[in-house]
Amino acid sequence: MSSFNSSNSTAIDPNPQYVHGVFFSIISAFGLAGNLLSIVVLSQRKQRASFVNVILRGLAFSDTFFLIACSLLYVVEAQGPSAAFPIAVFLHGWSHFA
């Protein structure tokens, strides 16, 4: 019989919610930085003349709103279901804006 007992194991079992939160934060930070950079570049006087750049700037704005909304939902879900309803109602109205 082996002396290993799974209930007494001292191995660290990372919480999936924590791991997802870390990865989501990193990806969101890069996404927001990239979108803000795109908005700054596409808002320059030379870049405003092209219709394609107007569309790309709008896409960067809507993607930024989406990342913020997902971040808010993730934080609220981590706090529990009782806090989720008011923010869900708010984000539903906000989604029509974006």
PDB file of N, CA and C in Angstrom:
ATOM      1  N   MET A   1       0.839  -1.168   0.000  1.00  0.00           N
ATOM      2  CA  MET A   1       0.000   0.000   0.000  1.00  0.00           C
ATOM      3  C   MET A   1       0.886   1.234   0.000  1.00  0.00           C
ATOM      4  N   SER A   2       0.566   2.193  -0.809  1.00  0.00           N
ATOM      5  CA  SER A   2       1.396   3.394  -0.849  1.00  0.00           C
ATOM      6  C   SER A   2       1.011   4.327   0.280  1.00  0.00           C
ATOM      7  N   SER A   3       1.954   5.180   0.638  1.00  0.00           N
ATOM      8  CA  SER A   3       1.710   6.107   1.739  1.00  0.00           C
ATOM      9  C   SER A   3       1.059   7.405   1.266  1.00  0.00           C
ATOM     10  N   PHE A   4       0.813   7.490  -0.025  1.00  0.00           N
ATOM     11  CA  PHE A   4       0.207   8.711  -0.572  1.00  0.00           C
ATOM     12  C   PHE A   4      -1.295   8.681  -0.358  1.00  0.00           C
ATOM     13  N   ASN A   5      -1.816   9.712   0.251  1.00  0.00           N
ATOM     14  CA  ASN A   5      -3.252   9.824   0.482  1.00  0.00           C
ATOM     15  C   ASN A   5      -3.697  11.135  -0.147  1.00  0.00           C
ATOM     16  N   SER A   6      -4.647  11.079  -1.071  1.00  0.00           N
ATOM     17  CA  SER A   6      -5.050  12.272  -1.801  1.00  0.00           C
ATOM     18  C   SER A   6      -5.679  13.329  -0.908  1.00  0.00           C
ATOM     19  N   SER A   7      -6.305  12.939   0.185  1.00  0.00           N
ATOM     20  CA  SER A   7      -6.930  13.920   1.058  1.00  0.00           C
ATOM     21  C   SER A   7      -5.899  14.679   1.890  1.00  0.00           C
ATOM     22  N   ASN A   8      -4.712  14.111   2.071  1.00  0.00           N
ATOM     23  CA  ASN A   8      -3.673  14.777   2.847  1.00  0.00           C
ATOM     24  C   ASN A   8      -2.603  15.391   1.956  1.00  0.00           C
ATOM     25  N   SER A   9      -2.857  15.481   0.690  1.00  0.00           N
ATOM     26  CA  SER A   9      -1.886  16.009  -0.243  1.00  0.00           C
ATOM     27  C   SER A   9      -1.635  17.488   0.038  1.00  0.00           C
ATOM     28  N   THR A  10      -0.379  17.888  -0.030  1.00  0.00           N
ATOM     29  CA  THR A  10      -0.021  19.287   0.210  1.00  0.00           C
ATOM     30  C   THR A  10       0.218  20.032  -1.088  1.00  0.00           C
ATOM     31  N   ALA A  11      -0.075  19.415  -2.219  1.00  0.00           N
ATOM     32  CA  ALA A  11       0.099  20.086  -3.505  1.00  0.00           C
ATOM     33  C   ALA A  11      -0.878  21.251  -3.616  1.00  0.00           C
ATOM     34  N   ILE A  12      -0.416  22.300  -4.233  1.00  0.00           N
ATOM     35  CA  ILE A  12      -1.248  23.494  -4.390  1.00  0.00           C
ATOM     36  C   ILE A  12      -2.197  23.268  -5.559  1.00  0.00           C
ATOM     37  N   ASP A  13      -3.477  23.407  -5.300  1.00  0.00           N
ATOM     38  CA  ASP A  13      -4.499  23.282  -6.331  1.00  0.00           C
ATOM     39  C   ASP A  13      -5.006  24.681  -6.635  1.00  0.00           C
ATOM     40  N   PRO A  14      -4.539  25.291  -7.738  1.00  0.00           N
ATOM     41  CA  PRO A  14      -4.960  26.665  -8.005  1.00  0.00           C
ATOM     42  C   PRO A  14      -6.452  26.751  -8.277  1.00  0.00           C
ATOM     43  N   ASN A  15      -7.048  27.777  -7.743  1.00  0.00           N
ATOM     44  CA  ASN A  15      -8.463  28.038  -7.954  1.00  0.00           C
ATOM     45  C   ASN A  15      -8.662  28.476  -9.408  1.00  0.00           C
ATOM     46  N   PRO A  16      -9.510  27.775 -10.175  1.00  0.00           N
ATOM     47  CA  PRO A  16      -9.696  28.160 -11.578  1.00  0.00           C
ATOM     48  C   PRO A  16     -10.187  29.599 -11.740  1.00  0.00           C
ATOM     49  N   GLN A  17     -11.006  30.075 -10.800  1.00  0.00           N
ATOM     50  CA  GLN A  17     -11.503  31.455 -10.868  1.00  0.00           C
ATOM     51  C   GLN A  17     -10.339  32.431 -10.775  1.00  0.00           C
ATOM     52  N   TYR A  18      -9.372  32.138  -9.911  1.00  0.00           N
ATOM     53  CA  TYR A  18      -8.200  32.998  -9.751  1.00  0.00           C
ATOM     54  C   TYR A  18      -7.345  32.984 -11.006  1.00  0.00           C
ATOM     55  N   VAL A  19      -7.113  31.796 -11.559  1.00  0.00           N
ATOM     56  CA  VAL A  19      -6.292  31.672 -12.766  1.00  0.00           C
ATOM     57  C   VAL A  19      -6.953  32.396 -13.932  1.00  0.00           C
ATOM     58  N   HIS A  20      -8.261  32.210 -14.103  1.00  0.00           N
ATOM     59  CA  HIS A  20      -8.977  32.905 -15.174  1.00  0.00           C
ATOM     60  C   HIS A  20      -8.920  34.409 -14.973  1.00  0.00           C
ATOM     61  N   GLY A  21      -9.035  34.854 -13.730  1.00  0.00           N
ATOM     62  CA  GLY A  21      -8.984  36.282 -13.441  1.00  0.00           C
ATOM     63  C   GLY A  21      -7.654  36.897 -13.810  1.00  0.00           C
ATOM     64  N   VAL A  22      -6.567  36.189 -13.526  1.00  0.00           N
ATOM     65  CA  VAL A  22      -5.239  36.703 -13.863  1.00  0.00           C
ATOM     66  C   VAL A  22      -5.069  36.787 -15.369  1.00  0.00           C
ATOM     67  N   PHE A  23      -5.410  35.721 -16.075  1.00  0.00           N
ATOM     68  CA  PHE A  23      -5.270  35.731 -17.528  1.00  0.00           C
ATOM     69  C   PHE A  23      -6.198  36.759 -18.174  1.00  0.00           C
ATOM     70  N   PHE A  24      -7.414  36.860 -17.675  1.00  0.00           N
ATOM     71  CA  PHE A  24      -8.359  37.826 -18.219  1.00  0.00           C
ATOM     72  C   PHE A  24      -7.864  39.255 -18.013  1.00  0.00           C
ATOM     73  N   SER A  25      -7.272  39.525 -16.851  1.00  0.00           N
ATOM     74  CA  SER A  25      -6.745  40.861 -16.581  1.00  0.00           C
ATOM     75  C   SER A  25      -5.595  41.216 -17.514  1.00  0.00           C
ATOM     76  N   ILE A  26      -4.721  40.266 -17.754  1.00  0.00           N
ATOM     77  CA  ILE A  26      -3.584  40.516 -18.649  1.00  0.00           C
ATOM     78  C   ILE A  26      -4.071  40.758 -20.072  1.00  0.00           C
ATOM     79  N   ILE A  27      -4.959  39.913 -20.552  1.00  0.00           N
ATOM     80  CA  ILE A  27      -5.471  40.061 -21.920  1.00  0.00           C
ATOM     81  C   ILE A  27      -6.259  41.357 -22.060  1.00  0.00           C
ATOM     82  N   SER A  28      -7.055  41.700 -21.060  1.00  0.00           N
ATOM     83  CA  SER A  28      -7.825  42.945 -21.111  1.00  0.00           C
ATOM     84  C   SER A  28      -6.918  44.169 -21.107  1.00  0.00           C
ATOM     85  N   ALA A  29      -5.849  44.122 -20.324  1.00  0.00           N
ATOM     86  CA  ALA A  29      -4.917  45.255 -20.277  1.00  0.00           C
ATOM     87  C   ALA A  29      -4.266  45.471 -21.640  1.00  0.00           C
ATOM     88  N   PHE A  30      -3.822  44.394 -22.281  1.00  0.00           N
ATOM     89  CA  PHE A  30      -3.240  44.523 -23.622  1.00  0.00           C
ATOM     90  C   PHE A  30      -4.280  44.992 -24.634  1.00  0.00           C
ATOM     91  N   GLY A  31      -5.499  44.495 -24.514  1.00  0.00           N
ATOM     92  CA  GLY A  31      -6.568  44.898 -25.428  1.00  0.00           C
ATOM     93  C   GLY A  31      -6.918  46.367 -25.285  1.00  0.00           C
ATOM     94  N   LEU A  32      -7.035  46.833 -24.037  1.00  0.00           N
ATOM     95  CA  LEU A  32      -7.341  48.250 -23.818  1.00  0.00           C
ATOM     96  C   LEU A  32      -6.205  49.146 -24.302  1.00  0.00           C
ATOM     97  N   ALA A  33      -4.968  48.732 -24.040  1.00  0.00           N
ATOM     98  CA  ALA A  33      -3.825  49.529 -24.505  1.00  0.00           C
ATOM     99  C   ALA A  33      -3.797  49.599 -26.033  1.00  0.00           C
ATOM    100  N   GLY A  34      -4.037  48.478 -26.685  1.00  0.00           N
ATOM    101  CA  GLY A  34      -4.053  48.462 -28.148  1.00  0.00           C
ATOM    102  C   GLY A  34      -5.187  49.287 -28.727  1.00  0.00           C
ATOM    103  N   ASN A  35      -6.356  49.199 -28.115  1.00  0.00           N
ATOM    104  CA  ASN A  35      -7.496  49.988 -28.595  1.00  0.00           C
ATOM    105  C   ASN A  35      -7.267  51.476 -28.406  1.00  0.00           C
ATOM    106  N   LEU A  36      -6.731  51.859 -27.251  1.00  0.00           N
ATOM    107  CA  LEU A  36      -6.462  53.278 -27.014  1.00  0.00           C
ATOM    108  C   LEU A  36      -5.409  53.807 -27.979  1.00  0.00           C
ATOM    109  N   LEU A  37      -4.397  52.990 -28.253  1.00  0.00           N
ATOM    110  CA  LEU A  37      -3.381  53.393 -29.225  1.00  0.00           C
ATOM    111  C   LEU A  37      -3.996  53.545 -30.617  1.00  0.00           C
ATOM    112  N   SER A  38      -4.863  52.621 -30.983  1.00  0.00           N
ATOM    113  CA  SER A  38      -5.540  52.716 -32.284  1.00  0.00           C
ATOM    114  C   SER A  38      -6.407  53.963 -32.368  1.00  0.00           C
ATOM    115  N   ILE A  39      -7.118  54.278 -31.294  1.00  0.00           N
ATOM    116  CA  ILE A  39      -7.971  55.465 -31.290  1.00  0.00           C
ATOM    117  C   ILE A  39      -7.134  56.727 -31.443  1.00  0.00           C
ATOM    118  N   VAL A  40      -6.003  56.780 -30.744  1.00  0.00           N
ATOM    119  CA  VAL A  40      -5.127  57.958 -30.840  1.00  0.00           C
ATOM    120  C   VAL A  40      -4.577  58.109 -32.253  1.00  0.00           C
ATOM    121  N   VAL A  41      -4.089  57.029 -32.823  1.00  0.00           N
ATOM    122  CA  VAL A  41      -3.500  57.097 -34.168  1.00  0.00           C
ATOM    123  C   VAL A  41      -4.563  57.425 -35.214  1.00  0.00           C
ATOM    124  N   LEU A  42      -5.721  56.780 -35.113  1.00  0.00           N
ATOM    125  CA  LEU A  42      -6.765  56.989 -36.112  1.00  0.00           C
ATOM    126  C   LEU A  42      -7.502  58.314 -35.942  1.00  0.00           C
ATOM    127  N   SER A  43      -7.260  59.016 -34.842  1.00  0.00           N
ATOM    128  CA  SER A  43      -7.893  60.313 -34.630  1.00  0.00           C
ATOM    129  C   SER A  43      -7.037  61.477 -35.119  1.00  0.00           C
ATOM    130  N   GLN A  44      -5.862  61.196 -35.622  1.00  0.00           N
ATOM    131  CA  GLN A  44      -5.013  62.266 -36.147  1.00  0.00           C
ATOM    132  C   GLN A  44      -5.638  62.841 -37.413  1.00  0.00           C
ATOM    133  N   ARG A  45      -5.304  64.079 -37.707  1.00  0.00           N
ATOM    134  CA  ARG A  45      -5.921  64.803 -38.819  1.00  0.00           C
ATOM    135  C   ARG A  45      -5.776  64.064 -40.153  1.00  0.00           C
ATOM    136  N   LYS A  46      -4.604  63.532 -40.433  1.00  0.00           N
ATOM    137  CA  LYS A  46      -4.382  62.819 -41.701  1.00  0.00           C
ATOM    138  C   LYS A  46      -5.244  61.560 -41.797  1.00  0.00           C
ATOM    139  N   GLN A  47      -5.444  60.893 -40.670  1.00  0.00           N
ATOM    140  CA  GLN A  47      -6.144  59.617 -40.665  1.00  0.00           C
ATOM    141  C   GLN A  47      -7.662  59.765 -40.695  1.00  0.00           C
ATOM    142  N   ARG A  48      -8.171  60.933 -40.357  1.00  0.00           N
ATOM    143  CA  ARG A  48      -9.622  61.121 -40.287  1.00  0.00           C
ATOM    144  C   ARG A  48     -10.292  61.169 -41.655  1.00  0.00           C
ATOM    145  N   ALA A  49      -9.539  61.407 -42.690  1.00  0.00           N
ATOM    146  CA  ALA A  49     -10.128  61.593 -44.014  1.00  0.00           C
ATOM    147  C   ALA A  49     -10.637  60.289 -44.628  1.00  0.00           C
ATOM    148  N   SER A  50     -10.041  59.183 -44.281  1.00  0.00           N
ATOM    149  CA  SER A  50     -10.404  57.907 -44.886  1.00  0.00           C
ATOM    150  C   SER A  50     -11.618  57.286 -44.189  1.00  0.00           C
ATOM    151  N   PHE A  51     -12.555  56.796 -44.999  1.00  0.00           N
ATOM    152  CA  PHE A  51     -13.752  56.146 -44.456  1.00  0.00           C
ATOM    153  C   PHE A  51     -13.397  54.862 -43.716  1.00  0.00           C
ATOM    154  N   VAL A  52     -12.411  54.130 -44.215  1.00  0.00           N
ATOM    155  CA  VAL A  52     -11.987  52.888 -43.563  1.00  0.00           C
ATOM    156  C   VAL A  52     -11.457  53.186 -42.161  1.00  0.00           C
ATOM    157  N   ASN A  53     -10.720  54.275 -42.009  1.00  0.00           N
ATOM    158  CA  ASN A  53     -10.188  54.625 -40.695  1.00  0.00           C
ATOM    159  C   ASN A  53     -11.294  55.041 -39.723  1.00  0.00           C
ATOM    160  N   VAL A  54     -12.356  55.641 -40.250  1.00  0.00           N
ATOM    161  CA  VAL A  54     -13.502  55.976 -39.398  1.00  0.00           C
ATOM    162  C   VAL A  54     -14.142  54.690 -38.877  1.00  0.00           C
ATOM    163  N   ILE A  55     -14.283  53.704 -39.740  1.00  0.00           N
ATOM    164  CA  ILE A  55     -14.839  52.415 -39.341  1.00  0.00           C
ATOM    165  C   ILE A  55     -13.928  51.732 -38.315  1.00  0.00           C
ATOM    166  N   LEU A  56     -12.620  51.762 -38.544  1.00  0.00           N
ATOM    167  CA  LEU A  56     -11.673  51.146 -37.612  1.00  0.00           C
ATOM    168  C   LEU A  56     -11.691  51.848 -36.249  1.00  0.00           C
ATOM    169  N   ARG A  57     -11.837  53.170 -36.259  1.00  0.00           N
ATOM    170  CA  ARG A  57     -11.912  53.914 -35.000  1.00  0.00           C
ATOM    171  C   ARG A  57     -13.188  53.536 -34.242  1.00  0.00           C
ATOM    172  N   GLY A  58     -14.291  53.403 -34.949  1.00  0.00           N
ATOM    173  CA  GLY A  58     -15.530  52.966 -34.317  1.00  0.00           C
ATOM    174  C   GLY A  58     -15.408  51.551 -33.761  1.00  0.00           C
ATOM    175  N   LEU A  59     -14.720  50.683 -34.476  1.00  0.00           N
ATOM    176  CA  LEU A  59     -14.495  49.324 -33.997  1.00  0.00           C
ATOM    177  C   LEU A  59     -13.650  49.328 -32.726  1.00  0.00           C
ATOM    178  N   ALA A  60     -12.631  50.184 -32.684  1.00  0.00           N
ATOM    179  CA  ALA A  60     -11.788  50.290 -31.486  1.00  0.00           C
ATOM    180  C   ALA A  60     -12.600  50.797 -30.293  1.00  0.00           C
ATOM    181  N   PHE A  61     -13.493  51.780 -30.528  1.00  0.00           N
ATOM    182  CA  PHE A  61     -14.349  52.279 -29.451  1.00  0.00           C
ATOM    183  C   PHE A  61     -15.279  51.179 -28.935  1.00  0.00           C
ATOM    184  N   SER A  62     -15.931  50.462 -29.845  1.00  0.00           N
ATOM    185  CA  SER A  62     -16.879  49.434 -29.401  1.00  0.00           C
ATOM    186  C   SER A  62     -16.150  48.281 -28.711  1.00  0.00           C
ATOM    187  N   ASP A  63     -14.955  47.941 -29.167  1.00  0.00           N
ATOM    188  CA  ASP A  63     -14.183  46.889 -28.519  1.00  0.00           C
ATOM    189  C   ASP A  63     -13.744  47.322 -27.123  1.00  0.00           C
ATOM    190  N   THR A  64     -13.414  48.594 -26.971  1.00  0.00           N
ATOM    191  CA  THR A  64     -13.063  49.112 -25.647  1.00  0.00           C
ATOM    192  C   THR A  64     -14.248  49.022 -24.700  1.00  0.00           C
ATOM    193  N   PHE A  65     -15.434  49.423 -25.152  1.00  0.00           N
ATOM    194  CA  PHE A  65     -16.636  49.310 -24.329  1.00  0.00           C
ATOM    195  C   PHE A  65     -16.923  47.849 -23.974  1.00  0.00           C
ATOM    196  N   PHE A  66     -16.713  46.957 -24.925  1.00  0.00           N
ATOM    197  CA  PHE A  66     -16.946  45.533 -24.680  1.00  0.00           C
ATOM    198  C   PHE A  66     -15.992  45.001 -23.613  1.00  0.00           C
ATOM    199  N   LEU A  67     -14.709  45.361 -23.697  1.00  0.00           N
ATOM    200  CA  LEU A  67     -13.745  44.905 -22.696  1.00  0.00           C
ATOM    201  C   LEU A  67     -14.083  45.440 -21.307  1.00  0.00           C
ATOM    202  N   ILE A  68     -14.512  46.688 -21.239  1.00  0.00           N
ATOM    203  CA  ILE A  68     -14.894  47.261 -19.945  1.00  0.00           C
ATOM    204  C   ILE A  68     -16.126  46.542 -19.400  1.00  0.00           C
ATOM    205  N   ALA A  69     -17.101  46.277 -20.262  1.00  0.00           N
ATOM    206  CA  ALA A  69     -18.319  45.584 -19.824  1.00  0.00           C
ATOM    207  C   ALA A  69     -17.997  44.174 -19.343  1.00  0.00           C
ATOM    208  N   CYS A  70     -17.148  43.464 -20.052  1.00  0.00           N
ATOM    209  CA  CYS A  70     -16.778  42.113 -19.629  1.00  0.00           C
ATOM    210  C   CYS A  70     -16.018  42.146 -18.309  1.00  0.00           C
ATOM    211  N   SER A  71     -15.176  43.142 -18.139  1.00  0.00           N
ATOM    212  CA  SER A  71     -14.444  43.272 -16.875  1.00  0.00           C
ATOM    213  C   SER A  71     -15.395  43.518 -15.719  1.00  0.00           C
ATOM    214  N   LEU A  72     -16.380  44.399 -15.930  1.00  0.00           N
ATOM    215  CA  LEU A  72     -17.359  44.664 -14.882  1.00  0.00           C
ATOM    216  C   LEU A  72     -18.159  43.410 -14.547  1.00  0.00           C
ATOM    217  N   LEU A  73     -18.584  42.690 -15.562  1.00  0.00           N
ATOM    218  CA  LEU A  73     -19.344  41.461 -15.318  1.00  0.00           C
ATOM    219  C   LEU A  73     -18.516  40.419 -14.585  1.00  0.00           C
ATOM    220  N   TYR A  74     -17.240  40.314 -14.923  1.00  0.00           N
ATOM    221  CA  TYR A  74     -16.379  39.340 -14.273  1.00  0.00           C
ATOM    222  C   TYR A  74     -16.209  39.667 -12.793  1.00  0.00           C
ATOM    223  N   VAL A  75     -16.033  40.944 -12.494  1.00  0.00           N
ATOM    224  CA  VAL A  75     -15.883  41.356 -11.099  1.00  0.00           C
ATOM    225  C   VAL A  75     -17.178  41.104 -10.326  1.00  0.00           C
ATOM    226  N   VAL A  76     -18.304  41.406 -10.934  1.00  0.00           N
ATOM    227  CA  VAL A  76     -19.587  41.213 -10.262  1.00  0.00           C
ATOM    228  C   VAL A  76     -19.869  39.733 -10.042  1.00  0.00           C
ATOM    229  N   GLU A  77     -19.564  38.900 -11.014  1.00  0.00           N
ATOM    230  CA  GLU A  77     -19.780  37.462 -10.857  1.00  0.00           C
ATOM    231  C   GLU A  77     -18.919  36.897  -9.742  1.00  0.00           C
ATOM    232  N   ALA A  78     -17.737  37.447  -9.559  1.00  0.00           N
ATOM    233  CA  ALA A  78     -16.864  36.979  -8.486  1.00  0.00           C
ATOM    234  C   ALA A  78     -17.440  37.340  -7.117  1.00  0.00           C
ATOM    235  N   GLN A  79     -18.246  38.396  -7.046  1.00  0.00           N
ATOM    236  CA  GLN A  79     -18.835  38.814  -5.775  1.00  0.00           C
ATOM    237  C   GLN A  79     -20.073  38.006  -5.421  1.00  0.00           C
ATOM    238  N   GLY A  80     -20.682  37.373  -6.383  1.00  0.00           N
ATOM    239  CA  GLY A  80     -21.847  36.539  -6.092  1.00  0.00           C
ATOM    240  C   GLY A  80     -23.040  36.927  -6.935  1.00  0.00           C
ATOM    241  N   PRO A  81     -24.038  36.041  -6.998  1.00  0.00           N
ATOM    242  CA  PRO A  81     -25.189  36.275  -7.871  1.00  0.00           C
ATOM    243  C   PRO A  81     -26.082  37.434  -7.432  1.00  0.00           C
ATOM    244  N   SER A  82     -26.084  37.781  -6.163  1.00  0.00           N
ATOM    245  CA  SER A  82     -26.970  38.863  -5.713  1.00  0.00           C
ATOM    246  C   SER A  82     -26.533  40.221  -6.255  1.00  0.00           C
ATOM    247  N   ALA A  83     -25.250  40.373  -6.541  1.00  0.00           N
ATOM    248  CA  ALA A  83     -24.745  41.641  -7.066  1.00  0.00           C
ATOM    249  C   ALA A  83     -24.830  41.697  -8.587  1.00  0.00           C
ATOM    250  N   ALA A  84     -25.128  40.585  -9.238  1.00  0.00           N
ATOM    251  CA  ALA A  84     -25.073  40.526 -10.698  1.00  0.00           C
ATOM    252  C   ALA A  84     -26.253  41.196 -11.385  1.00  0.00           C
ATOM    253  N   PHE A  85     -27.427  41.187 -10.791  1.00  0.00           N
ATOM    254  CA  PHE A  85     -28.603  41.690 -11.495  1.00  0.00           C
ATOM    255  C   PHE A  85     -28.543  43.181 -11.811  1.00  0.00           C
ATOM    256  N   PRO A  86     -28.229  44.070 -10.867  1.00  0.00           N
ATOM    257  CA  PRO A  86     -28.204  45.501 -11.215  1.00  0.00           C
ATOM    258  C   PRO A  86     -27.188  45.842 -12.293  1.00  0.00           C
ATOM    259  N   ILE A  87     -26.014  45.228 -12.231  1.00  0.00           N
ATOM    260  CA  ILE A  87     -25.003  45.531 -13.251  1.00  0.00           C
ATOM    261  C   ILE A  87     -25.401  44.933 -14.592  1.00  0.00           C
ATOM    262  N   ALA A  88     -26.090  43.798 -14.591  1.00  0.00           N
ATOM    263  CA  ALA A  88     -26.556  43.205 -15.845  1.00  0.00           C
ATOM    264  C   ALA A  88     -27.590  44.102 -16.511  1.00  0.00           C
ATOM    265  N   VAL A  89     -28.480  44.706 -15.731  1.00  0.00           N
ATOM    266  CA  VAL A  89     -29.473  45.632 -16.288  1.00  0.00           C
ATOM    267  C   VAL A  89     -28.775  46.854 -16.873  1.00  0.00           C
ATOM    268  N   PHE A  90     -27.785  47.373 -16.155  1.00  0.00           N
ATOM    269  CA  PHE A  90     -27.032  48.516 -16.641  1.00  0.00           C
ATOM    270  C   PHE A  90     -26.301  48.193 -17.942  1.00  0.00           C
ATOM    271  N   LEU A  91     -25.638  47.031 -17.976  1.00  0.00           N
ATOM    272  CA  LEU A  91     -24.872  46.675 -19.173  1.00  0.00           C
ATOM    273  C   LEU A  91     -25.764  46.333 -20.351  1.00  0.00           C
ATOM    274  N   HIS A  92     -26.965  45.873 -20.089  1.00  0.00           N
ATOM    275  CA  HIS A  92     -27.893  45.621 -21.196  1.00  0.00           C
ATOM    276  C   HIS A  92     -28.235  46.914 -21.906  1.00  0.00           C
ATOM    277  N   GLY A  93     -28.492  47.962 -21.155  1.00  0.00           N
ATOM    278  CA  GLY A  93     -28.743  49.273 -21.778  1.00  0.00           C
ATOM    279  C   GLY A  93     -27.503  49.833 -22.448  1.00  0.00           C
ATOM    280  N   TRP A  94     -26.355  49.584 -21.832  1.00  0.00           N
ATOM    281  CA  TRP A  94     -25.101  50.088 -22.374  1.00  0.00           C
ATOM    282  C   TRP A  94     -24.725  49.382 -23.669  1.00  0.00           C
ATOM    283  N   SER A  95     -25.131  48.117 -23.801  1.00  0.00           N
ATOM    284  CA  SER A  95     -24.801  47.358 -25.009  1.00  0.00           C
ATOM    285  C   SER A  95     -25.496  47.937 -26.230  1.00  0.00           C
ATOM    286  N   HIS A  96     -26.650  48.565 -26.037  1.00  0.00           N
ATOM    287  CA  HIS A  96     -27.326  49.197 -27.167  1.00  0.00           C
ATOM    288  C   HIS A  96     -26.603  50.463 -27.607  1.00  0.00           C
ATOM    289  N   PHE A  97     -25.887  51.080 -26.676  1.00  0.00           N
ATOM    290  CA  PHE A  97     -25.097  52.269 -27.011  1.00  0.00           C
ATOM    291  C   PHE A  97     -23.886  51.894 -27.850  1.00  0.00           C
ATOM    292  N   ALA A  98     -23.205  50.822 -27.434  1.00  0.00           N
ATOM    293  CA  ALA A  98     -21.983  50.396 -28.132  1.00  0.00           C
ATOM    294  C   ALA A  98     -22.363  49.757 -29.435  1.00  0.00           C
TER     295      ALA A  98
END
